[in-house]
Amino acid sequence: MSPNAIGAWRIVVDDLSGAPIRALLEQHFAGMLANSPADSCHFLDFDGLNAPDVTFWSIHRGDELAGCGALKMLGAAHGEIKSMRTSDAFLRQGVAARMLDHIMVEARGRGLKRLSLETGSGPAFEPALALYRRYGFQDCEPFADYKPDPFSRFMTRML
């Protein structure tokens, strides 16, 4: 079956140049800002997602954009999950789990020993928190350059 066949999932490194991925990220940015104060939003903008220490992927089903996610290198043994987002048309179809699996495999392949993330703390973030808990992530103290914030949740797991 070709990668573009209907129903086939594919995950690709994305350069953020396409209109669909830019629109999904704009929706992601707006969603973060709608559910947390601006100074508590720690998403990477387009330039941040194109930084040398970040790998950004999009996930597609057939020719449709289903979601995205990124891995930011924090050091030789520690990485951070960034910009996990599922397109509305693909909610509750396993997109985030596929992307998280991919990021974890990639992190292990790079020799990382620990994977962490920061996400929001309100009700809008409960589905994401539940996913991360299912994958063994546990609450932790702020890491990297983060500071304690009542609107942020910090999670980590060993790989």
N, C-alpha and C. Protein backbone atom coordinates (compact mmCIF):
# COMPACT_ATOMS: atom_id res chain seq x y z
N MET A 1 0.86 -1.18 0.00
CA MET A 1 0.00 0.00 0.00
C MET A 1 0.90 1.23 0.00
N SER A 2 0.62 2.19 -0.85
CA SER A 2 1.45 3.39 -0.91
C SER A 2 1.20 4.25 0.32
N PRO A 3 2.18 5.07 0.72
CA PRO A 3 2.01 5.91 1.90
C PRO A 3 0.86 6.91 1.77
N ASN A 4 0.47 7.25 0.56
CA ASN A 4 -0.60 8.22 0.38
C ASN A 4 -1.96 7.56 0.20
N ALA A 5 -2.01 6.25 0.33
CA ALA A 5 -3.29 5.55 0.18
C ALA A 5 -4.25 5.98 1.28
N ILE A 6 -5.52 5.94 0.98
CA ILE A 6 -6.53 6.28 1.98
C ILE A 6 -6.35 5.35 3.17
N GLY A 7 -6.31 5.92 4.35
CA GLY A 7 -6.21 5.13 5.56
C GLY A 7 -4.80 4.89 6.04
N ALA A 8 -3.79 5.10 5.21
CA ALA A 8 -2.41 4.86 5.65
C ALA A 8 -1.92 6.06 6.47
N TRP A 9 -1.34 5.76 7.62
CA TRP A 9 -0.76 6.81 8.47
C TRP A 9 0.69 7.00 8.08
N ARG A 10 1.13 8.24 8.07
CA ARG A 10 2.55 8.50 7.87
C ARG A 10 2.94 9.72 8.70
N ILE A 11 4.15 9.64 9.22
CA ILE A 11 4.71 10.73 10.02
C ILE A 11 5.96 11.19 9.30
N VAL A 12 6.04 12.50 9.07
CA VAL A 12 7.16 13.06 8.31
C VAL A 12 7.73 14.28 9.04
N VAL A 13 9.06 14.48 8.89
CA VAL A 13 9.65 15.73 9.35
C VAL A 13 9.04 16.84 8.50
N ASP A 14 8.59 17.88 9.15
CA ASP A 14 7.85 18.94 8.47
C ASP A 14 8.61 20.26 8.60
N ASP A 15 8.74 20.99 7.50
CA ASP A 15 9.46 22.27 7.53
C ASP A 15 8.55 23.46 7.81
N LEU A 16 7.29 23.21 8.13
CA LEU A 16 6.32 24.25 8.51
C LEU A 16 5.97 25.20 7.38
N SER A 17 6.24 24.82 6.15
CA SER A 17 5.99 25.73 5.04
C SER A 17 4.59 25.59 4.45
N GLY A 18 3.93 24.49 4.70
CA GLY A 18 2.62 24.26 4.10
C GLY A 18 1.50 24.98 4.83
N ALA A 19 0.49 25.41 4.07
CA ALA A 19 -0.64 26.13 4.66
C ALA A 19 -1.39 25.28 5.70
N PRO A 20 -1.63 23.98 5.47
CA PRO A 20 -2.37 23.21 6.47
C PRO A 20 -1.64 23.12 7.83
N ILE A 21 -0.32 22.90 7.82
CA ILE A 21 0.38 22.80 9.10
C ILE A 21 0.46 24.16 9.78
N ARG A 22 0.60 25.20 9.01
CA ARG A 22 0.63 26.54 9.61
C ARG A 22 -0.72 26.87 10.24
N ALA A 23 -1.81 26.48 9.57
CA ALA A 23 -3.15 26.73 10.12
C ALA A 23 -3.37 25.91 11.40
N LEU A 24 -2.91 24.66 11.41
CA LEU A 24 -3.06 23.84 12.62
C LEU A 24 -2.26 24.45 13.78
N LEU A 25 -1.07 24.92 13.51
CA LEU A 25 -0.28 25.53 14.57
C LEU A 25 -0.88 26.86 15.04
N GLU A 26 -1.44 27.63 14.14
CA GLU A 26 -2.14 28.86 14.56
C GLU A 26 -3.30 28.51 15.48
N GLN A 27 -4.02 27.42 15.16
CA GLN A 27 -5.11 26.95 16.02
C GLN A 27 -4.54 26.52 17.38
N HIS A 28 -3.41 25.84 17.35
CA HIS A 28 -2.75 25.40 18.59
C HIS A 28 -2.37 26.61 19.45
N PHE A 29 -1.73 27.61 18.85
CA PHE A 29 -1.34 28.81 19.58
C PHE A 29 -2.58 29.49 20.19
N ALA A 30 -3.63 29.63 19.39
CA ALA A 30 -4.85 30.29 19.87
C ALA A 30 -5.48 29.49 21.01
N GLY A 31 -5.46 28.17 20.91
CA GLY A 31 -6.02 27.33 21.97
C GLY A 31 -5.26 27.47 23.27
N MET A 32 -3.95 27.55 23.19
CA MET A 32 -3.15 27.73 24.40
C MET A 32 -3.48 29.08 25.04
N LEU A 33 -3.54 30.12 24.22
CA LEU A 33 -3.82 31.46 24.74
C LEU A 33 -5.25 31.59 25.26
N ALA A 34 -6.17 30.81 24.74
CA ALA A 34 -7.56 30.87 25.20
C ALA A 34 -7.74 30.16 26.54
N ASN A 35 -6.80 29.27 26.89
CA ASN A 35 -6.98 28.46 28.09
C ASN A 35 -5.96 28.74 29.19
N SER A 36 -5.03 29.64 28.95
CA SER A 36 -4.01 30.00 29.94
C SER A 36 -3.61 31.45 29.72
N PRO A 37 -3.20 32.14 30.79
CA PRO A 37 -2.70 33.51 30.60
C PRO A 37 -1.48 33.50 29.67
N ALA A 38 -1.31 34.56 28.92
CA ALA A 38 -0.23 34.63 27.93
C ALA A 38 1.14 34.37 28.55
N ASP A 39 1.39 34.90 29.75
CA ASP A 39 2.71 34.69 30.35
C ASP A 39 2.89 33.28 30.91
N SER A 40 1.84 32.47 30.84
CA SER A 40 1.92 31.07 31.26
C SER A 40 1.90 30.12 30.05
N CYS A 41 1.90 30.66 28.85
CA CYS A 41 1.93 29.85 27.62
C CYS A 41 3.37 29.71 27.16
N HIS A 42 3.80 28.48 27.00
CA HIS A 42 5.20 28.21 26.68
C HIS A 42 5.36 27.50 25.34
N PHE A 43 4.41 27.70 24.42
CA PHE A 43 4.52 27.06 23.12
C PHE A 43 5.62 27.72 22.30
N LEU A 44 6.22 26.93 21.42
CA LEU A 44 7.23 27.47 20.51
C LEU A 44 6.52 28.06 19.30
N ASP A 45 6.92 29.26 18.88
CA ASP A 45 6.36 29.85 17.67
C ASP A 45 7.02 29.19 16.45
N PHE A 46 6.71 29.68 15.25
CA PHE A 46 7.25 29.06 14.04
C PHE A 46 8.78 29.05 14.03
N ASP A 47 9.39 30.15 14.44
CA ASP A 47 10.85 30.20 14.49
C ASP A 47 11.39 29.20 15.51
N GLY A 48 10.75 29.13 16.66
CA GLY A 48 11.17 28.19 17.69
C GLY A 48 11.07 26.74 17.24
N LEU A 49 10.03 26.43 16.48
CA LEU A 49 9.85 25.06 15.98
C LEU A 49 10.84 24.73 14.87
N ASN A 50 11.42 25.75 14.25
CA ASN A 50 12.44 25.54 13.21
C ASN A 50 13.86 25.64 13.75
N ALA A 51 14.02 25.76 15.07
CA ALA A 51 15.35 25.88 15.66
C ALA A 51 16.14 24.58 15.48
N PRO A 52 17.46 24.67 15.46
CA PRO A 52 18.30 23.48 15.24
C PRO A 52 18.12 22.38 16.29
N ASP A 53 17.72 22.74 17.52
CA ASP A 53 17.56 21.73 18.57
C ASP A 53 16.15 21.14 18.63
N VAL A 54 15.32 21.45 17.63
CA VAL A 54 13.94 20.96 17.58
C VAL A 54 13.72 20.18 16.29
N THR A 55 13.08 19.02 16.42
CA THR A 55 12.60 18.28 15.25
C THR A 55 11.09 18.30 15.31
N PHE A 56 10.47 18.73 14.23
CA PHE A 56 9.01 18.87 14.16
C PHE A 56 8.47 17.89 13.14
N TRP A 57 7.44 17.14 13.53
CA TRP A 57 6.81 16.18 12.64
C TRP A 57 5.33 16.50 12.46
N SER A 58 4.82 16.15 11.30
CA SER A 58 3.38 16.15 11.08
C SER A 58 2.96 14.72 10.81
N ILE A 59 1.74 14.39 11.19
CA ILE A 59 1.18 13.07 10.96
C ILE A 59 -0.02 13.23 10.02
N HIS A 60 -0.07 12.34 9.05
CA HIS A 60 -1.09 12.42 8.00
C HIS A 60 -1.80 11.08 7.88
N ARG A 61 -3.05 11.14 7.51
CA ARG A 61 -3.79 9.94 7.12
C ARG A 61 -4.15 10.17 5.67
N GLY A 62 -3.58 9.34 4.81
CA GLY A 62 -3.72 9.62 3.39
C GLY A 62 -3.08 10.96 3.11
N ASP A 63 -3.81 11.84 2.49
CA ASP A 63 -3.29 13.17 2.17
C ASP A 63 -3.76 14.24 3.14
N GLU A 64 -4.44 13.83 4.22
CA GLU A 64 -4.97 14.81 5.18
C GLU A 64 -4.06 14.95 6.39
N LEU A 65 -3.85 16.19 6.82
CA LEU A 65 -3.07 16.48 8.02
C LEU A 65 -3.90 16.08 9.23
N ALA A 66 -3.34 15.22 10.07
CA ALA A 66 -4.07 14.74 11.25
C ALA A 66 -3.53 15.34 12.55
N GLY A 67 -2.28 15.78 12.55
CA GLY A 67 -1.73 16.33 13.78
C GLY A 67 -0.25 16.62 13.66
N CYS A 68 0.35 16.95 14.81
CA CYS A 68 1.77 17.28 14.82
C CYS A 68 2.35 17.08 16.21
N GLY A 69 3.66 17.14 16.27
CA GLY A 69 4.38 17.05 17.53
C GLY A 69 5.85 17.35 17.28
N ALA A 70 6.57 17.65 18.34
CA ALA A 70 7.98 18.00 18.21
C ALA A 70 8.78 17.48 19.39
N LEU A 71 10.07 17.34 19.16
CA LEU A 71 11.02 16.96 20.19
C LEU A 71 12.10 18.03 20.25
N LYS A 72 12.26 18.62 21.43
CA LYS A 72 13.31 19.62 21.65
C LYS A 72 14.38 18.96 22.50
N MET A 73 15.60 19.04 22.03
CA MET A 73 16.73 18.48 22.77
C MET A 73 17.12 19.46 23.89
N LEU A 74 17.13 18.96 25.12
CA LEU A 74 17.52 19.79 26.27
C LEU A 74 18.95 19.49 26.69
N GLY A 75 19.50 18.45 26.16
CA GLY A 75 20.86 18.01 26.48
C GLY A 75 21.08 16.66 25.85
N ALA A 76 22.20 16.04 26.16
CA ALA A 76 22.54 14.76 25.55
C ALA A 76 21.61 13.64 25.99
N ALA A 77 20.99 13.77 27.17
CA ALA A 77 20.17 12.67 27.69
C ALA A 77 18.74 13.08 28.01
N HIS A 78 18.36 14.32 27.72
CA HIS A 78 17.03 14.82 28.12
C HIS A 78 16.38 15.56 26.95
N GLY A 79 15.12 15.20 26.67
CA GLY A 79 14.36 15.87 25.63
C GLY A 79 13.02 16.33 26.15
N GLU A 80 12.41 17.25 25.41
CA GLU A 80 11.10 17.79 25.78
C GLU A 80 10.13 17.63 24.62
N ILE A 81 8.95 17.16 24.93
CA ILE A 81 7.87 17.08 23.95
C ILE A 81 7.26 18.47 23.80
N LYS A 82 7.08 18.90 22.56
CA LYS A 82 6.50 20.22 22.28
C LYS A 82 5.42 20.09 21.20
N SER A 83 4.48 21.01 21.23
CA SER A 83 3.51 21.23 20.14
C SER A 83 2.73 19.99 19.70
N MET A 84 2.32 19.18 20.66
CA MET A 84 1.44 18.06 20.33
C MET A 84 0.04 18.63 20.06
N ARG A 85 -0.49 18.34 18.89
CA ARG A 85 -1.82 18.85 18.53
C ARG A 85 -2.45 17.90 17.52
N THR A 86 -3.74 17.64 17.69
CA THR A 86 -4.51 16.83 16.75
C THR A 86 -5.50 17.73 16.02
N SER A 87 -5.60 17.55 14.72
CA SER A 87 -6.59 18.29 13.93
C SER A 87 -7.99 17.89 14.41
N ASP A 88 -8.89 18.85 14.45
CA ASP A 88 -10.25 18.58 14.94
C ASP A 88 -10.90 17.38 14.25
N ALA A 89 -10.70 17.23 12.96
CA ALA A 89 -11.33 16.14 12.21
C ALA A 89 -10.81 14.77 12.62
N PHE A 90 -9.71 14.73 13.35
CA PHE A 90 -9.09 13.45 13.73
C PHE A 90 -9.08 13.20 15.23
N LEU A 91 -9.82 14.01 15.99
CA LEU A 91 -9.86 13.79 17.43
C LEU A 91 -10.39 12.41 17.76
N ARG A 92 -9.83 11.82 18.83
CA ARG A 92 -10.24 10.50 19.32
C ARG A 92 -10.06 9.38 18.30
N GLN A 93 -9.04 9.52 17.45
CA GLN A 93 -8.71 8.47 16.48
C GLN A 93 -7.28 7.95 16.67
N GLY A 94 -6.67 8.27 17.80
CA GLY A 94 -5.35 7.74 18.11
C GLY A 94 -4.18 8.53 17.54
N VAL A 95 -4.44 9.71 17.03
CA VAL A 95 -3.37 10.52 16.42
C VAL A 95 -2.30 10.88 17.45
N ALA A 96 -2.72 11.40 18.60
CA ALA A 96 -1.75 11.81 19.61
C ALA A 96 -0.94 10.63 20.11
N ALA A 97 -1.57 9.49 20.28
CA ALA A 97 -0.84 8.29 20.72
C ALA A 97 0.18 7.87 19.68
N ARG A 98 -0.17 7.92 18.40
CA ARG A 98 0.79 7.59 17.35
C ARG A 98 1.97 8.56 17.36
N MET A 99 1.69 9.84 17.51
CA MET A 99 2.77 10.82 17.54
C MET A 99 3.63 10.63 18.78
N LEU A 100 3.01 10.38 19.93
CA LEU A 100 3.79 10.18 21.14
C LEU A 100 4.66 8.93 21.03
N ASP A 101 4.12 7.86 20.47
CA ASP A 101 4.93 6.66 20.21
C ASP A 101 6.14 7.01 19.36
N HIS A 102 5.90 7.77 18.29
CA HIS A 102 6.97 8.15 17.37
C HIS A 102 8.05 8.98 18.09
N ILE A 103 7.62 9.96 18.86
CA ILE A 103 8.58 10.81 19.57
C ILE A 103 9.39 9.98 20.56
N MET A 104 8.74 9.06 21.25
CA MET A 104 9.46 8.24 22.23
C MET A 104 10.48 7.33 21.54
N VAL A 105 10.11 6.73 20.40
CA VAL A 105 11.06 5.90 19.65
C VAL A 105 12.23 6.75 19.17
N GLU A 106 11.93 7.92 18.65
CA GLU A 106 12.99 8.83 18.18
C GLU A 106 13.90 9.24 19.34
N ALA A 107 13.32 9.55 20.49
CA ALA A 107 14.11 9.95 21.66
C ALA A 107 15.05 8.82 22.09
N ARG A 108 14.52 7.61 22.15
CA ARG A 108 15.37 6.46 22.51
C ARG A 108 16.48 6.28 21.48
N GLY A 109 16.13 6.44 20.20
CA GLY A 109 17.12 6.29 19.14
C GLY A 109 18.23 7.32 19.22
N ARG A 110 17.93 8.45 19.79
CA ARG A 110 18.95 9.50 19.99
C ARG A 110 19.73 9.31 21.29
N GLY A 111 19.41 8.27 22.01
CA GLY A 111 20.11 8.00 23.26
C GLY A 111 19.60 8.77 24.46
N LEU A 112 18.42 9.38 24.34
CA LEU A 112 17.88 10.12 25.48
C LEU A 112 17.47 9.14 26.57
N LYS A 113 17.63 9.56 27.81
CA LYS A 113 17.25 8.74 28.96
C LYS A 113 16.00 9.25 29.64
N ARG A 114 15.64 10.50 29.35
CA ARG A 114 14.50 11.14 30.01
C ARG A 114 13.76 12.01 29.00
N LEU A 115 12.44 12.00 29.12
CA LEU A 115 11.58 12.82 28.27
C LEU A 115 10.63 13.58 29.19
N SER A 116 10.51 14.89 28.99
CA SER A 116 9.67 15.73 29.85
C SER A 116 8.76 16.59 28.99
N LEU A 117 7.80 17.22 29.65
CA LEU A 117 6.88 18.12 28.95
C LEU A 117 6.28 19.11 29.92
N GLU A 118 5.80 20.20 29.36
CA GLU A 118 5.02 21.20 30.08
C GLU A 118 3.72 21.35 29.34
N THR A 119 2.62 21.36 30.08
CA THR A 119 1.31 21.59 29.47
C THR A 119 0.48 22.40 30.44
N GLY A 120 -0.72 22.74 30.03
CA GLY A 120 -1.59 23.54 30.88
C GLY A 120 -2.20 22.74 32.00
N SER A 121 -2.85 23.44 32.93
CA SER A 121 -3.39 22.78 34.11
C SER A 121 -4.91 22.81 34.19
N GLY A 122 -5.58 23.49 33.28
CA GLY A 122 -7.03 23.60 33.35
C GLY A 122 -7.75 22.44 32.70
N PRO A 123 -9.09 22.46 32.74
CA PRO A 123 -9.90 21.38 32.19
C PRO A 123 -9.64 21.09 30.71
N ALA A 124 -9.29 22.10 29.93
CA ALA A 124 -9.04 21.89 28.50
C ALA A 124 -7.85 20.96 28.26
N PHE A 125 -6.98 20.83 29.26
CA PHE A 125 -5.77 20.03 29.11
C PHE A 125 -5.92 18.61 29.65
N GLU A 126 -7.06 18.28 30.23
CA GLU A 126 -7.25 16.95 30.82
C GLU A 126 -7.05 15.81 29.82
N PRO A 127 -7.55 15.90 28.58
CA PRO A 127 -7.28 14.79 27.65
C PRO A 127 -5.79 14.56 27.42
N ALA A 128 -5.02 15.63 27.29
CA ALA A 128 -3.58 15.49 27.10
C ALA A 128 -2.93 14.89 28.35
N LEU A 129 -3.31 15.37 29.51
CA LEU A 129 -2.75 14.85 30.75
C LEU A 129 -3.05 13.36 30.90
N ALA A 130 -4.26 12.96 30.55
CA ALA A 130 -4.63 11.54 30.63
C ALA A 130 -3.77 10.70 29.69
N LEU A 131 -3.52 11.19 28.49
CA LEU A 131 -2.66 10.48 27.54
C LEU A 131 -1.26 10.32 28.12
N TYR A 132 -0.70 11.39 28.61
CA TYR A 132 0.66 11.32 29.13
C TYR A 132 0.75 10.37 30.33
N ARG A 133 -0.26 10.40 31.19
CA ARG A 133 -0.27 9.46 32.33
C ARG A 133 -0.30 8.01 31.84
N ARG A 134 -1.11 7.73 30.81
CA ARG A 134 -1.18 6.37 30.26
C ARG A 134 0.19 5.92 29.74
N TYR A 135 0.99 6.85 29.31
CA TYR A 135 2.32 6.54 28.80
C TYR A 135 3.41 6.59 29.87
N GLY A 136 3.01 6.68 31.11
CA GLY A 136 3.98 6.59 32.21
C GLY A 136 4.60 7.90 32.65
N PHE A 137 4.12 9.01 32.13
CA PHE A 137 4.63 10.31 32.58
C PHE A 137 4.06 10.61 33.96
N GLN A 138 4.89 11.19 34.80
CA GLN A 138 4.49 11.54 36.15
C GLN A 138 4.78 13.02 36.39
N ASP A 139 3.99 13.62 37.28
CA ASP A 139 4.21 15.02 37.62
C ASP A 139 5.62 15.20 38.17
N CYS A 140 6.21 16.34 37.86
CA CYS A 140 7.56 16.65 38.32
C CYS A 140 7.68 18.15 38.57
N GLU A 141 8.80 18.53 39.08
CA GLU A 141 9.12 19.94 39.28
C GLU A 141 9.43 20.58 37.93
N PRO A 142 9.37 21.90 37.84
CA PRO A 142 9.78 22.56 36.59
C PRO A 142 11.20 22.14 36.21
N PHE A 143 11.44 22.01 34.92
CA PHE A 143 12.74 21.61 34.40
C PHE A 143 13.20 22.68 33.41
N ALA A 144 14.43 22.53 32.94
CA ALA A 144 15.02 23.47 31.98
C ALA A 144 14.87 24.90 32.53
N ASP A 145 14.31 25.81 31.74
CA ASP A 145 14.18 27.20 32.17
C ASP A 145 12.81 27.54 32.74
N TYR A 146 11.96 26.53 32.92
CA TYR A 146 10.62 26.78 33.45
C TYR A 146 10.67 27.18 34.92
N LYS A 147 9.67 27.94 35.32
CA LYS A 147 9.48 28.34 36.71
C LYS A 147 8.15 27.79 37.20
N PRO A 148 7.97 27.62 38.51
CA PRO A 148 6.66 27.19 39.02
C PRO A 148 5.57 28.13 38.54
N ASP A 149 4.44 27.57 38.14
CA ASP A 149 3.34 28.35 37.59
C ASP A 149 2.05 27.58 37.83
N PRO A 150 1.04 28.18 38.47
CA PRO A 150 -0.19 27.44 38.73
C PRO A 150 -0.94 27.04 37.46
N PHE A 151 -0.60 27.64 36.33
CA PHE A 151 -1.26 27.31 35.07
C PHE A 151 -0.49 26.27 34.26
N SER A 152 0.62 25.79 34.80
CA SER A 152 1.44 24.80 34.10
C SER A 152 1.50 23.51 34.88
N ARG A 153 1.56 22.40 34.12
CA ARG A 153 1.84 21.08 34.68
C ARG A 153 3.12 20.59 34.03
N PHE A 154 4.00 20.06 34.84
CA PHE A 154 5.26 19.52 34.36
C PHE A 154 5.24 18.02 34.58
N MET A 155 5.63 17.27 33.56
CA MET A 155 5.62 15.82 33.64
C MET A 155 6.92 15.28 33.04
N THR A 156 7.32 14.10 33.50
CA THR A 156 8.55 13.48 32.99
C THR A 156 8.42 11.97 33.10
N ARG A 157 9.29 11.30 32.35
CA ARG A 157 9.44 9.84 32.48
C ARG A 157 10.82 9.45 31.98
N MET A 158 11.30 8.37 32.53
CA MET A 158 12.56 7.80 32.07
C MET A 158 12.25 6.94 30.86
N LEU A 159 13.22 6.83 29.97
CA LEU A 159 13.02 6.01 28.75
C LEU A 159 13.72 4.67 28.87
